[in-house]
Amino acid sequence: MKFVRNHIVFALITLVCISCIDPIVLNLDTGESHLVVFGWVTNEPVPYEIKLSVSNGYSDQSGYPVVSGAEVYVTDQLGNRFDFTEVTGTGRYLSDPSEFVGSPGSIYQLTVLHNQNSYHSIPEEMPKLSAAEDAFINFIADPADFEIKPEDENFFVSAFVDDDASVANYYRWKVFVNNELRNSPEELVLFDDQFTNGNSFKYDAGNVLFTQGDEVFFQHMSLSIGAYGYYKNIRDQISNSTLSPRVIPGIIEGNMTNQDDPDELVLGYFGASEISNISVNN
């Protein structure tokens, strides 16, 4: 009985303590809103897209409001101007592929005119792309399991890159599994030629796993050093350990500035890449 009585007393004390706790309401700063600009130019003869939106405060879960009615265009190093037209009310601005196809080695700058402000990107060169060859599907072998089951996500893409020794190269692979881009921050495939400059080397996209029966291809892309750093910062921030962080958490800055207010923080990135679509041998 003493055991039961003690438990009853403990339960009553717990209920009293819980009933005495007042709810705590944290008055968090809602955070500032910032223009978000994101777009890319490639060597593919397709419409290029510039997306404009505005970031929300911390507690606003409604999604990013789009920015409509802006004037958007890209210029090259020769002074040519290429206008982007908005898909009405979407904040998506598209180029005309009959008038504008990017070229490796050319330099491009994005301009956005909105609300009497003039936003410009840092001029971005489209780096020439070293070839990727002999792509194939590789697998992770579990030493504790003698058989890889078809439903296990133990497979990833590998390929050989014939690196150009004359320049520092930065690469990204966009891996598509069953025609769906695997694009979470943890699945960003980024690498450079710091230790392989001028060599033919094999690279494994071991952070994008899929099953044996999946259909896979990837886009082999060149990046500028700025674009590489931007994406790498995203990946590192997401994969950061709270116990022993490798990078200091913070805002990921892009390459856009407000010419009328240089202190304004503008989020996002405008970049240029040569792209090669690589089929994968099963």
Foldseek 3Di string as FASTA:
>chain_A
DVVVVVVVVVVVVVVVVVVPDDDDDDPDDQDDKFWEWAWEAEQDLDKTKIAIWIDTGPPDPPDTQGDPDKWKWKAKPVGDIWTWPDPPRGRITITHSVVDGDDAQIWMKMWIADPNWIKIFDIAGAHDAFDKDQKAKDFDDDPVDPDDDQQDQGIWIKIKTQAAQPDKWKKWKFKAWLNHTPDDLQQTRIDTCPPPRRHTDMDISRSDTGGDPIFMKIKIKTWDPQVRVLSVVSSLLVPADPVDGPDDDDDRAEGMATPVDRPGGHHYYYHYIYIDIGGYDD
